[in-house]
mmCIF file of all heavy atoms, coordinates in Angstrom:
data_MODEL
# 
_entry.id   MODEL 
# 
loop_
_atom_site.group_PDB 
_atom_site.id 
_atom_site.type_symbol 
_atom_site.label_atom_id 
_atom_site.label_alt_id 
_atom_site.label_comp_id 
_atom_site.label_asym_id 
_atom_site.label_entity_id 
_atom_site.label_seq_id 
_atom_site.pdbx_PDB_ins_code 
_atom_site.Cartn_x 
_atom_site.Cartn_y 
_atom_site.Cartn_z 
_atom_site.occupancy 
_atom_site.B_iso_or_equiv 
_atom_site.pdbx_formal_charge 
_atom_site.auth_seq_id 
_atom_site.auth_comp_id 
_atom_site.auth_asym_id 
_atom_site.auth_atom_id 
_atom_site.pdbx_PDB_model_num 
ATOM 1   N N   . LEU A 1 1  ? 16.774 0.132  28.097 1.00 0.00 ? 1  LEU A N   1 
ATOM 2   C CA  . LEU A 1 1  ? 17.130 -0.802 29.168 1.00 0.00 ? 1  LEU A CA  1 
ATOM 3   C C   . LEU A 1 1  ? 18.589 -0.689 29.590 1.00 0.00 ? 1  LEU A C   1 
ATOM 4   O O   . LEU A 1 1  ? 19.320 -1.689 29.676 1.00 0.00 ? 1  LEU A O   1 
ATOM 5   C CB  . LEU A 1 1  ? 16.804 -2.243 28.735 1.00 0.00 ? 1  LEU A CB  1 
ATOM 6   C CG  . LEU A 1 1  ? 15.305 -2.531 28.539 1.00 0.00 ? 1  LEU A CG  1 
ATOM 7   C CD1 . LEU A 1 1  ? 15.097 -3.906 27.925 1.00 0.00 ? 1  LEU A CD1 1 
ATOM 8   C CD2 . LEU A 1 1  ? 14.557 -2.417 29.860 1.00 0.00 ? 1  LEU A CD2 1 
ATOM 9   N N   . GLN A 1 2  ? 19.004 0.537  29.830 1.00 0.00 ? 2  GLN A N   1 
ATOM 10  C CA  . GLN A 1 2  ? 20.352 0.765  30.344 1.00 0.00 ? 2  GLN A CA  1 
ATOM 11  C C   . GLN A 1 2  ? 20.416 2.119  31.043 1.00 0.00 ? 2  GLN A C   1 
ATOM 12  O O   . GLN A 1 2  ? 19.721 3.057  30.670 1.00 0.00 ? 2  GLN A O   1 
ATOM 13  C CB  . GLN A 1 2  ? 21.380 0.712  29.212 1.00 0.00 ? 2  GLN A CB  1 
ATOM 14  C CG  . GLN A 1 2  ? 21.164 1.713  28.101 1.00 0.00 ? 2  GLN A CG  1 
ATOM 15  C CD  . GLN A 1 2  ? 22.158 1.571  26.972 1.00 0.00 ? 2  GLN A CD  1 
ATOM 16  O OE1 . GLN A 1 2  ? 22.927 0.623  26.921 1.00 0.00 ? 2  GLN A OE1 1 
ATOM 17  N NE2 . GLN A 1 2  ? 22.161 2.518  26.054 1.00 0.00 ? 2  GLN A NE2 1 
ATOM 18  N N   . SER A 1 3  ? 21.238 2.188  32.067 1.00 0.00 ? 3  SER A N   1 
ATOM 19  C CA  . SER A 1 3  ? 21.420 3.443  32.798 1.00 0.00 ? 3  SER A CA  1 
ATOM 20  C C   . SER A 1 3  ? 22.365 4.338  32.017 1.00 0.00 ? 3  SER A C   1 
ATOM 21  O O   . SER A 1 3  ? 23.469 3.921  31.657 1.00 0.00 ? 3  SER A O   1 
ATOM 22  C CB  . SER A 1 3  ? 22.003 3.177  34.193 1.00 0.00 ? 3  SER A CB  1 
ATOM 23  O OG  . SER A 1 3  ? 21.081 2.453  34.972 1.00 0.00 ? 3  SER A OG  1 
ATOM 24  N N   . THR A 1 4  ? 21.925 5.551  31.725 1.00 0.00 ? 4  THR A N   1 
ATOM 25  C CA  . THR A 1 4  ? 22.767 6.499  31.000 1.00 0.00 ? 4  THR A CA  1 
ATOM 26  C C   . THR A 1 4  ? 22.613 7.881  31.623 1.00 0.00 ? 4  THR A C   1 
ATOM 27  O O   . THR A 1 4  ? 21.521 8.440  31.628 1.00 0.00 ? 4  THR A O   1 
ATOM 28  C CB  . THR A 1 4  ? 22.357 6.582  29.512 1.00 0.00 ? 4  THR A CB  1 
ATOM 29  O OG1 . THR A 1 4  ? 20.942 6.819  29.426 1.00 0.00 ? 4  THR A OG1 1 
ATOM 30  C CG2 . THR A 1 4  ? 22.694 5.307  28.776 1.00 0.00 ? 4  THR A CG2 1 
ATOM 31  N N   . ASP A 1 5  ? 23.696 8.392  32.165 1.00 0.00 ? 5  ASP A N   1 
ATOM 32  C CA  . ASP A 1 5  ? 23.673 9.764  32.659 1.00 0.00 ? 5  ASP A CA  1 
ATOM 33  C C   . ASP A 1 5  ? 23.643 10.700 31.470 1.00 0.00 ? 5  ASP A C   1 
ATOM 34  O O   . ASP A 1 5  ? 24.297 10.468 30.459 1.00 0.00 ? 5  ASP A O   1 
ATOM 35  C CB  . ASP A 1 5  ? 24.919 10.043 33.506 1.00 0.00 ? 5  ASP A CB  1 
ATOM 36  C CG  . ASP A 1 5  ? 24.914 9.243  34.803 1.00 0.00 ? 5  ASP A CG  1 
ATOM 37  O OD1 . ASP A 1 5  ? 23.805 8.976  35.304 1.00 0.00 ? 5  ASP A OD1 1 
ATOM 38  O OD2 . ASP A 1 5  ? 26.002 8.888  35.282 1.00 0.00 ? 5  ASP A OD2 1 
ATOM 39  N N   . ASP A 1 6  ? 22.881 11.780 31.593 1.00 0.00 ? 6  ASP A N   1 
ATOM 40  C CA  . ASP A 1 6  ? 22.812 12.770 30.521 1.00 0.00 ? 6  ASP A CA  1 
ATOM 41  C C   . ASP A 1 6  ? 23.301 14.105 31.058 1.00 0.00 ? 6  ASP A C   1 
ATOM 42  O O   . ASP A 1 6  ? 23.791 14.198 32.184 1.00 0.00 ? 6  ASP A O   1 
ATOM 43  C CB  . ASP A 1 6  ? 21.384 12.881 29.988 1.00 0.00 ? 6  ASP A CB  1 
ATOM 44  C CG  . ASP A 1 6  ? 21.341 13.282 28.518 1.00 0.00 ? 6  ASP A CG  1 
ATOM 45  O OD1 . ASP A 1 6  ? 22.218 14.049 28.086 1.00 0.00 ? 6  ASP A OD1 1 
ATOM 46  O OD2 . ASP A 1 6  ? 20.426 12.828 27.798 1.00 0.00 ? 6  ASP A OD2 1 
ATOM 47  N N   . ILE A 1 7  ? 23.167 15.150 30.276 1.00 0.00 ? 7  ILE A N   1 
ATOM 48  C CA  . ILE A 1 7  ? 23.716 16.447 30.679 1.00 0.00 ? 7  ILE A CA  1 
ATOM 49  C C   . ILE A 1 7  ? 22.824 17.159 31.699 1.00 0.00 ? 7  ILE A C   1 
ATOM 50  O O   . ILE A 1 7  ? 23.252 18.142 32.302 1.00 0.00 ? 7  ILE A O   1 
ATOM 51  C CB  . ILE A 1 7  ? 23.944 17.359 29.458 1.00 0.00 ? 7  ILE A CB  1 
ATOM 52  C CG1 . ILE A 1 7  ? 22.622 17.695 28.764 1.00 0.00 ? 7  ILE A CG1 1 
ATOM 53  C CG2 . ILE A 1 7  ? 24.905 16.701 28.487 1.00 0.00 ? 7  ILE A CG2 1 
ATOM 54  C CD1 . ILE A 1 7  ? 22.761 18.722 27.647 1.00 0.00 ? 7  ILE A CD1 1 
ATOM 55  N N   . LEU A 1 8  ? 21.591 16.665 31.885 1.00 0.00 ? 8  LEU A N   1 
ATOM 56  C CA  . LEU A 1 8  ? 20.699 17.293 32.857 1.00 0.00 ? 8  LEU A CA  1 
ATOM 57  C C   . LEU A 1 8  ? 20.994 16.750 34.250 1.00 0.00 ? 8  LEU A C   1 
ATOM 58  O O   . LEU A 1 8  ? 20.979 15.539 34.472 1.00 0.00 ? 8  LEU A O   1 
ATOM 59  C CB  . LEU A 1 8  ? 19.235 17.036 32.494 1.00 0.00 ? 8  LEU A CB  1 
ATOM 60  C CG  . LEU A 1 8  ? 18.765 17.581 31.143 1.00 0.00 ? 8  LEU A CG  1 
ATOM 61  C CD1 . LEU A 1 8  ? 17.301 17.237 30.914 1.00 0.00 ? 8  LEU A CD1 1 
ATOM 62  C CD2 . LEU A 1 8  ? 18.976 19.084 31.056 1.00 0.00 ? 8  LEU A CD2 1 
ATOM 63  N N   . ASP A 1 9  ? 21.232 17.632 35.166 1.00 0.00 ? 9  ASP A N   1 
ATOM 64  C CA  . ASP A 1 9  ? 21.545 17.263 36.550 1.00 0.00 ? 9  ASP A CA  1 
ATOM 65  C C   . ASP A 1 9  ? 20.298 17.476 37.402 1.00 0.00 ? 9  ASP A C   1 
ATOM 66  O O   . ASP A 1 9  ? 20.018 18.581 37.857 1.00 0.00 ? 9  ASP A O   1 
ATOM 67  C CB  . ASP A 1 9  ? 22.707 18.123 37.056 1.00 0.00 ? 9  ASP A CB  1 
ATOM 68  C CG  . ASP A 1 9  ? 23.165 17.714 38.457 1.00 0.00 ? 9  ASP A CG  1 
ATOM 69  O OD1 . ASP A 1 9  ? 22.616 16.735 38.994 1.00 0.00 ? 9  ASP A OD1 1 
ATOM 70  O OD2 . ASP A 1 9  ? 24.061 18.386 39.007 1.00 0.00 ? 9  ASP A OD2 1 
ATOM 71  N N   . GLN A 1 10 ? 19.524 16.404 37.592 1.00 0.00 ? 10 GLN A N   1 
ATOM 72  C CA  . GLN A 1 10 ? 18.314 16.471 38.413 1.00 0.00 ? 10 GLN A CA  1 
ATOM 73  C C   . GLN A 1 10 ? 18.062 15.089 39.001 1.00 0.00 ? 10 GLN A C   1 
ATOM 74  O O   . GLN A 1 10 ? 18.520 14.078 38.465 1.00 0.00 ? 10 GLN A O   1 
ATOM 75  C CB  . GLN A 1 10 ? 17.111 16.941 37.588 1.00 0.00 ? 10 GLN A CB  1 
ATOM 76  C CG  . GLN A 1 10 ? 16.809 16.089 36.368 1.00 0.00 ? 10 GLN A CG  1 
ATOM 77  C CD  . GLN A 1 10 ? 15.716 16.668 35.477 1.00 0.00 ? 10 GLN A CD  1 
ATOM 78  O OE1 . GLN A 1 10 ? 15.006 17.599 35.849 1.00 0.00 ? 10 GLN A OE1 1 
ATOM 79  N NE2 . GLN A 1 10 ? 15.574 16.133 34.272 1.00 0.00 ? 10 GLN A NE2 1 
ATOM 80  N N   . ASP A 1 11 ? 17.345 15.032 40.104 1.00 0.00 ? 11 ASP A N   1 
ATOM 81  C CA  . ASP A 1 11 ? 17.088 13.774 40.802 1.00 0.00 ? 11 ASP A CA  1 
ATOM 82  C C   . ASP A 1 11 ? 15.898 13.068 40.166 1.00 0.00 ? 11 ASP A C   1 
ATOM 83  O O   . ASP A 1 11 ? 14.745 13.486 40.347 1.00 0.00 ? 11 ASP A O   1 
ATOM 84  C CB  . ASP A 1 11 ? 16.824 14.033 42.286 1.00 0.00 ? 11 ASP A CB  1 
ATOM 85  C CG  . ASP A 1 11 ? 18.044 14.604 42.989 1.00 0.00 ? 11 ASP A CG  1 
ATOM 86  O OD1 . ASP A 1 11 ? 19.161 14.252 42.583 1.00 0.00 ? 11 ASP A OD1 1 
ATOM 87  O OD2 . ASP A 1 11 ? 17.863 15.401 43.933 1.00 0.00 ? 11 ASP A OD2 1 
ATOM 88  N N   . ILE A 1 12 ? 16.180 11.973 39.433 1.00 0.00 ? 12 ILE A N   1 
ATOM 89  C CA  . ILE A 1 12 ? 15.117 11.279 38.717 1.00 0.00 ? 12 ILE A CA  1 
ATOM 90  C C   . ILE A 1 12 ? 14.097 10.671 39.673 1.00 0.00 ? 12 ILE A C   1 
ATOM 91  O O   . ILE A 1 12 ? 12.896 10.647 39.382 1.00 0.00 ? 12 ILE A O   1 
ATOM 92  C CB  . ILE A 1 12 ? 15.708 10.183 37.802 1.00 0.00 ? 12 ILE A CB  1 
ATOM 93  C CG1 . ILE A 1 12 ? 16.614 10.825 36.743 1.00 0.00 ? 12 ILE A CG1 1 
ATOM 94  C CG2 . ILE A 1 12 ? 14.608 9.391  37.110 1.00 0.00 ? 12 ILE A CG2 1 
ATOM 95  C CD1 . ILE A 1 12 ? 15.931 11.857 35.889 1.00 0.00 ? 12 ILE A CD1 1 
ATOM 96  N N   . ASP A 1 13 ? 14.552 10.213 40.821 1.00 0.00 ? 13 ASP A N   1 
ATOM 97  C CA  . ASP A 1 13 ? 13.600 9.628  41.759 1.00 0.00 ? 13 ASP A CA  1 
ATOM 98  C C   . ASP A 1 13 ? 12.608 10.654 42.286 1.00 0.00 ? 13 ASP A C   1 
ATOM 99  O O   . ASP A 1 13 ? 11.528 10.301 42.762 1.00 0.00 ? 13 ASP A O   1 
ATOM 100 C CB  . ASP A 1 13 ? 14.334 8.943  42.914 1.00 0.00 ? 13 ASP A CB  1 
ATOM 101 C CG  . ASP A 1 13 ? 15.205 9.920  43.691 1.00 0.00 ? 13 ASP A CG  1 
ATOM 102 O OD1 . ASP A 1 13 ? 15.636 10.925 43.101 1.00 0.00 ? 13 ASP A OD1 1 
ATOM 103 O OD2 . ASP A 1 13 ? 15.458 9.663  44.883 1.00 0.00 ? 13 ASP A OD2 1 
ATOM 104 N N   . GLN A 1 14 ? 12.964 11.943 42.173 1.00 0.00 ? 14 GLN A N   1 
ATOM 105 C CA  . GLN A 1 14 ? 12.074 13.007 42.619 1.00 0.00 ? 14 GLN A CA  1 
ATOM 106 C C   . GLN A 1 14 ? 11.136 13.476 41.511 1.00 0.00 ? 14 GLN A C   1 
ATOM 107 O O   . GLN A 1 14 ? 9.995  13.861 41.763 1.00 0.00 ? 14 GLN A O   1 
ATOM 108 C CB  . GLN A 1 14 ? 12.891 14.205 43.125 1.00 0.00 ? 14 GLN A CB  1 
ATOM 109 C CG  . GLN A 1 14 ? 13.737 13.913 44.347 1.00 0.00 ? 14 GLN A CG  1 
ATOM 110 C CD  . GLN A 1 14 ? 12.868 13.561 45.550 1.00 0.00 ? 14 GLN A CD  1 
ATOM 111 O OE1 . GLN A 1 14 ? 11.883 14.242 45.844 1.00 0.00 ? 14 GLN A OE1 1 
ATOM 112 N NE2 . GLN A 1 14 ? 13.239 12.491 46.239 1.00 0.00 ? 14 GLN A NE2 1 
ATOM 113 N N   . VAL A 1 15 ? 11.630 13.454 40.256 1.00 0.00 ? 15 VAL A N   1 
ATOM 114 C CA  . VAL A 1 15 ? 10.854 14.067 39.170 1.00 0.00 ? 15 VAL A CA  1 
ATOM 115 C C   . VAL A 1 15 ? 10.362 13.060 38.131 1.00 0.00 ? 15 VAL A C   1 
ATOM 116 O O   . VAL A 1 15 ? 9.618  13.429 37.227 1.00 0.00 ? 15 VAL A O   1 
ATOM 117 C CB  . VAL A 1 15 ? 11.687 15.160 38.461 1.00 0.00 ? 15 VAL A CB  1 
ATOM 118 C CG1 . VAL A 1 15 ? 12.106 16.233 39.447 1.00 0.00 ? 15 VAL A CG1 1 
ATOM 119 C CG2 . VAL A 1 15 ? 12.905 14.564 37.744 1.00 0.00 ? 15 VAL A CG2 1 
ATOM 120 N N   . GLY A 1 16 ? 10.758 11.788 38.258 1.00 0.00 ? 16 GLY A N   1 
ATOM 121 C CA  . GLY A 1 16 ? 10.405 10.796 37.245 1.00 0.00 ? 16 GLY A CA  1 
ATOM 122 C C   . GLY A 1 16 ? 8.908  10.670 37.022 1.00 0.00 ? 16 GLY A C   1 
ATOM 123 O O   . GLY A 1 16 ? 8.428  10.682 35.878 1.00 0.00 ? 16 GLY A O   1 
ATOM 124 N N   . THR A 1 17 ? 8.149  10.562 38.102 1.00 0.00 ? 17 THR A N   1 
ATOM 125 C CA  . THR A 1 17 ? 6.696  10.426 37.982 1.00 0.00 ? 17 THR A CA  1 
ATOM 126 C C   . THR A 1 17 ? 6.093  11.676 37.371 1.00 0.00 ? 17 THR A C   1 
ATOM 127 O O   . THR A 1 17 ? 5.174  11.598 36.539 1.00 0.00 ? 17 THR A O   1 
ATOM 128 C CB  . THR A 1 17 ? 6.066  10.157 39.361 1.00 0.00 ? 17 THR A CB  1 
ATOM 129 O OG1 . THR A 1 17 ? 6.649  8.976  39.923 1.00 0.00 ? 17 THR A OG1 1 
ATOM 130 C CG2 . THR A 1 17 ? 4.561  9.972  39.247 1.00 0.00 ? 17 THR A CG2 1 
ATOM 131 N N   . SER A 1 18 ? 6.611  12.848 37.739 1.00 0.00 ? 18 SER A N   1 
ATOM 132 C CA  . SER A 1 18 ? 6.098  14.106 37.177 1.00 0.00 ? 18 SER A CA  1 
ATOM 133 C C   . SER A 1 18 ? 6.320  14.162 35.671 1.00 0.00 ? 18 SER A C   1 
ATOM 134 O O   . SER A 1 18 ? 5.458  14.648 34.923 1.00 0.00 ? 18 SER A O   1 
ATOM 135 C CB  . SER A 1 18 ? 6.784  15.304 37.846 1.00 0.00 ? 18 SER A CB  1 
ATOM 136 O OG  . SER A 1 18 ? 6.402  15.410 39.199 1.00 0.00 ? 18 SER A OG  1 
ATOM 137 N N   . ILE A 1 19 ? 7.467  13.678 35.210 1.00 0.00 ? 19 ILE A N   1 
ATOM 138 C CA  . ILE A 1 19 ? 7.742  13.686 33.766 1.00 0.00 ? 19 ILE A CA  1 
ATOM 139 C C   . ILE A 1 19 ? 6.731  12.818 33.024 1.00 0.00 ? 19 ILE A C   1 
ATOM 140 O O   . ILE A 1 19 ? 6.154  13.224 32.013 1.00 0.00 ? 19 ILE A O   1 
ATOM 141 C CB  . ILE A 1 19 ? 9.184  13.213 33.486 1.00 0.00 ? 19 ILE A CB  1 
ATOM 142 C CG1 . ILE A 1 19 ? 10.191 14.247 33.997 1.00 0.00 ? 19 ILE A CG1 1 
ATOM 143 C CG2 . ILE A 1 19 ? 9.396  12.965 31.996 1.00 0.00 ? 19 ILE A CG2 1 
ATOM 144 C CD1 . ILE A 1 19 ? 11.638 13.799 33.920 1.00 0.00 ? 19 ILE A CD1 1 
ATOM 145 N N   . LEU A 1 20 ? 6.483  11.610 33.539 1.00 0.00 ? 20 LEU A N   1 
ATOM 146 C CA  . LEU A 1 20 ? 5.516  10.728 32.880 1.00 0.00 ? 20 LEU A CA  1 
ATOM 147 C C   . LEU A 1 20 ? 4.105  11.292 32.971 1.00 0.00 ? 20 LEU A C   1 
ATOM 148 O O   . LEU A 1 20 ? 3.325  11.200 32.006 1.00 0.00 ? 20 LEU A O   1 
ATOM 149 C CB  . LEU A 1 20 ? 5.573  9.332  33.488 1.00 0.00 ? 20 LEU A CB  1 
ATOM 150 C CG  . LEU A 1 20 ? 6.900  8.567  33.326 1.00 0.00 ? 20 LEU A CG  1 
ATOM 151 C CD1 . LEU A 1 20 ? 6.729  7.109  33.733 1.00 0.00 ? 20 LEU A CD1 1 
ATOM 152 C CD2 . LEU A 1 20 ? 7.438  8.640  31.909 1.00 0.00 ? 20 LEU A CD2 1 
ATOM 153 N N   . ASN A 1 21 ? 3.761  11.888 34.115 1.00 0.00 ? 21 ASN A N   1 
ATOM 154 C CA  . ASN A 1 21 ? 2.443  12.513 34.249 1.00 0.00 ? 21 ASN A CA  1 
ATOM 155 C C   . ASN A 1 21 ? 2.280  13.674 33.273 1.00 0.00 ? 21 ASN A C   1 
ATOM 156 O O   . ASN A 1 21 ? 1.217  13.862 32.671 1.00 0.00 ? 21 ASN A O   1 
ATOM 157 C CB  . ASN A 1 21 ? 2.233  13.027 35.674 1.00 0.00 ? 21 ASN A CB  1 
ATOM 158 C CG  . ASN A 1 21 ? 1.913  11.926 36.674 1.00 0.00 ? 21 ASN A CG  1 
ATOM 159 O OD1 . ASN A 1 21 ? 1.869  12.157 37.877 1.00 0.00 ? 21 ASN A OD1 1 
ATOM 160 N ND2 . ASN A 1 21 ? 1.704  10.712 36.188 1.00 0.00 ? 21 ASN A ND2 1 
ATOM 161 N N   . TYR A 1 22 ? 3.329  14.469 33.143 1.00 0.00 ? 22 TYR A N   1 
ATOM 162 C CA  . TYR A 1 22 ? 3.278  15.628 32.250 1.00 0.00 ? 22 TYR A CA  1 
ATOM 163 C C   . TYR A 1 22 ? 2.990  15.187 30.816 1.00 0.00 ? 22 TYR A C   1 
ATOM 164 O O   . TYR A 1 22 ? 2.205  15.831 30.107 1.00 0.00 ? 22 TYR A O   1 
ATOM 165 C CB  . TYR A 1 22 ? 4.605  16.391 32.305 1.00 0.00 ? 22 TYR A CB  1 
ATOM 166 C CG  . TYR A 1 22 ? 4.699  17.537 31.337 1.00 0.00 ? 22 TYR A CG  1 
ATOM 167 C CD1 . TYR A 1 22 ? 4.126  18.772 31.633 1.00 0.00 ? 22 TYR A CD1 1 
ATOM 168 C CD2 . TYR A 1 22 ? 5.353  17.378 30.113 1.00 0.00 ? 22 TYR A CD2 1 
ATOM 169 C CE1 . TYR A 1 22 ? 4.198  19.817 30.734 1.00 0.00 ? 22 TYR A CE1 1 
ATOM 170 C CE2 . TYR A 1 22 ? 5.435  18.423 29.206 1.00 0.00 ? 22 TYR A CE2 1 
ATOM 171 C CZ  . TYR A 1 22 ? 4.857  19.647 29.510 1.00 0.00 ? 22 TYR A CZ  1 
ATOM 172 O OH  . TYR A 1 22 ? 4.928  20.680 28.617 1.00 0.00 ? 22 TYR A OH  1 
ATOM 173 N N   . TYR A 1 23 ? 3.604  14.087 30.391 1.00 0.00 ? 23 TYR A N   1 
ATOM 174 C CA  . TYR A 1 23 ? 3.393  13.596 29.031 1.00 0.00 ? 23 TYR A CA  1 
ATOM 175 C C   . TYR A 1 23 ? 2.220  12.618 28.934 1.00 0.00 ? 23 TYR A C   1 
ATOM 176 O O   . TYR A 1 23 ? 2.002  12.010 27.881 1.00 0.00 ? 23 TYR A O   1 
ATOM 177 C CB  . TYR A 1 23 ? 4.669  12.941 28.513 1.00 0.00 ? 23 TYR A CB  1 
ATOM 178 C CG  . TYR A 1 23 ? 5.728  13.944 28.117 1.00 0.00 ? 23 TYR A CG  1 
ATOM 179 C CD1 . TYR A 1 23 ? 6.872  14.112 28.887 1.00 0.00 ? 23 TYR A CD1 1 
ATOM 180 C CD2 . TYR A 1 23 ? 5.572  14.735 26.986 1.00 0.00 ? 23 TYR A CD2 1 
ATOM 181 C CE1 . TYR A 1 23 ? 7.846  15.035 28.531 1.00 0.00 ? 23 TYR A CE1 1 
ATOM 182 C CE2 . TYR A 1 23 ? 6.534  15.656 26.621 1.00 0.00 ? 23 TYR A CE2 1 
ATOM 183 C CZ  . TYR A 1 23 ? 7.667  15.814 27.399 1.00 0.00 ? 23 TYR A CZ  1 
ATOM 184 O OH  . TYR A 1 23 ? 8.616  16.740 27.039 1.00 0.00 ? 23 TYR A OH  1 
ATOM 185 N N   . ASN A 1 24 ? 1.475  12.480 30.011 1.00 0.00 ? 24 ASN A N   1 
ATOM 186 C CA  . ASN A 1 24 ? 0.279  11.639 30.018 1.00 0.00 ? 24 ASN A CA  1 
ATOM 187 C C   . ASN A 1 24 ? 0.589  10.188 29.654 1.00 0.00 ? 24 ASN A C   1 
ATOM 188 O O   . ASN A 1 24 ? -0.144 9.538  28.911 1.00 0.00 ? 24 ASN A O   1 
ATOM 189 C CB  . ASN A 1 24 ? -0.774 12.208 29.063 1.00 0.00 ? 24 ASN A CB  1 
ATOM 190 C CG  . ASN A 1 24 ? -2.179 11.724 29.387 1.00 0.00 ? 24 ASN A CG  1 
ATOM 191 O OD1 . ASN A 1 24 ? -2.449 11.279 30.498 1.00 0.00 ? 24 ASN A OD1 1 
ATOM 192 N ND2 . ASN A 1 24 ? -3.073 11.795 28.420 1.00 0.00 ? 24 ASN A ND2 1 
ATOM 193 N N   . ILE A 1 25 ? 1.716  9.699  30.189 1.00 0.00 ? 25 ILE A N   1 
ATOM 194 C CA  . ILE A 1 25 ? 2.084  8.291  30.015 1.00 0.00 ? 25 ILE A CA  1 
ATOM 195 C C   . ILE A 1 25 ? 1.547  7.538  31.227 1.00 0.00 ? 25 ILE A C   1 
ATOM 196 O O   . ILE A 1 25 ? 2.070  7.660  32.331 1.00 0.00 ? 25 ILE A O   1 
ATOM 197 C CB  . ILE A 1 25 ? 3.607  8.128  29.899 1.00 0.00 ? 25 ILE A CB  1 
ATOM 198 C CG1 . ILE A 1 25 ? 4.132  8.935  28.699 1.00 0.00 ? 25 ILE A CG1 1 
ATOM 199 C CG2 . ILE A 1 25 ? 3.986  6.651  29.758 1.00 0.00 ? 25 ILE A CG2 1 
ATOM 200 C CD1 . ILE A 1 25 ? 5.640  9.037  28.636 1.00 0.00 ? 25 ILE A CD1 1 
ATOM 201 N N   . SER A 1 26 ? 0.503  6.767  31.019 1.00 0.00 ? 26 SER A N   1 
ATOM 202 C CA  . SER A 1 26 ? -0.214 6.164  32.146 1.00 0.00 ? 26 SER A CA  1 
ATOM 203 C C   . SER A 1 26 ? 0.232  4.748  32.481 1.00 0.00 ? 26 SER A C   1 
ATOM 204 O O   . SER A 1 26 ? 0.065  4.306  33.613 1.00 0.00 ? 26 SER A O   1 
ATOM 205 C CB  . SER A 1 26 ? -1.724 6.151  31.866 1.00 0.00 ? 26 SER A CB  1 
ATOM 206 O OG  . SER A 1 26 ? -2.230 7.470  31.851 1.00 0.00 ? 26 SER A OG  1 
ATOM 207 N N   . TYR A 1 27 ? 0.757  4.031  31.500 1.00 0.00 ? 27 TYR A N   1 
ATOM 208 C CA  . TYR A 1 27 ? 1.129  2.640  31.752 1.00 0.00 ? 27 TYR A CA  1 
ATOM 209 C C   . TYR A 1 27 ? 2.506  2.335  31.171 1.00 0.00 ? 27 TYR A C   1 
ATOM 210 O O   . TYR A 1 27 ? 2.855  2.797  30.083 1.00 0.00 ? 27 TYR A O   1 
ATOM 211 C CB  . TYR A 1 27 ? 0.119  1.673  31.128 1.00 0.00 ? 27 TYR A CB  1 
ATOM 212 C CG  . TYR A 1 27 ? -1.230 1.670  31.798 1.00 0.00 ? 27 TYR A CG  1 
ATOM 213 C CD1 . TYR A 1 27 ? -2.277 2.443  31.300 1.00 0.00 ? 27 TYR A CD1 1 
ATOM 214 C CD2 . TYR A 1 27 ? -1.447 0.898  32.933 1.00 0.00 ? 27 TYR A CD2 1 
ATOM 215 C CE1 . TYR A 1 27 ? -3.511 2.447  31.914 1.00 0.00 ? 27 TYR A CE1 1 
ATOM 216 C CE2 . TYR A 1 27 ? -2.691 0.889  33.564 1.00 0.00 ? 27 TYR A CE2 1 
ATOM 217 C CZ  . TYR A 1 27 ? -3.718 1.668  33.050 1.00 0.00 ? 27 TYR A CZ  1 
ATOM 218 O OH  . TYR A 1 27 ? -4.944 1.676  33.672 1.00 0.00 ? 27 TYR A OH  1 
# 
């Protein structure tokens, strides 16, 4: 529950859903 920038430079709003889908996180 906190915003933390990490070393990966990518647009989370573009790939966030794909990351959860990839790991089969449905809810």
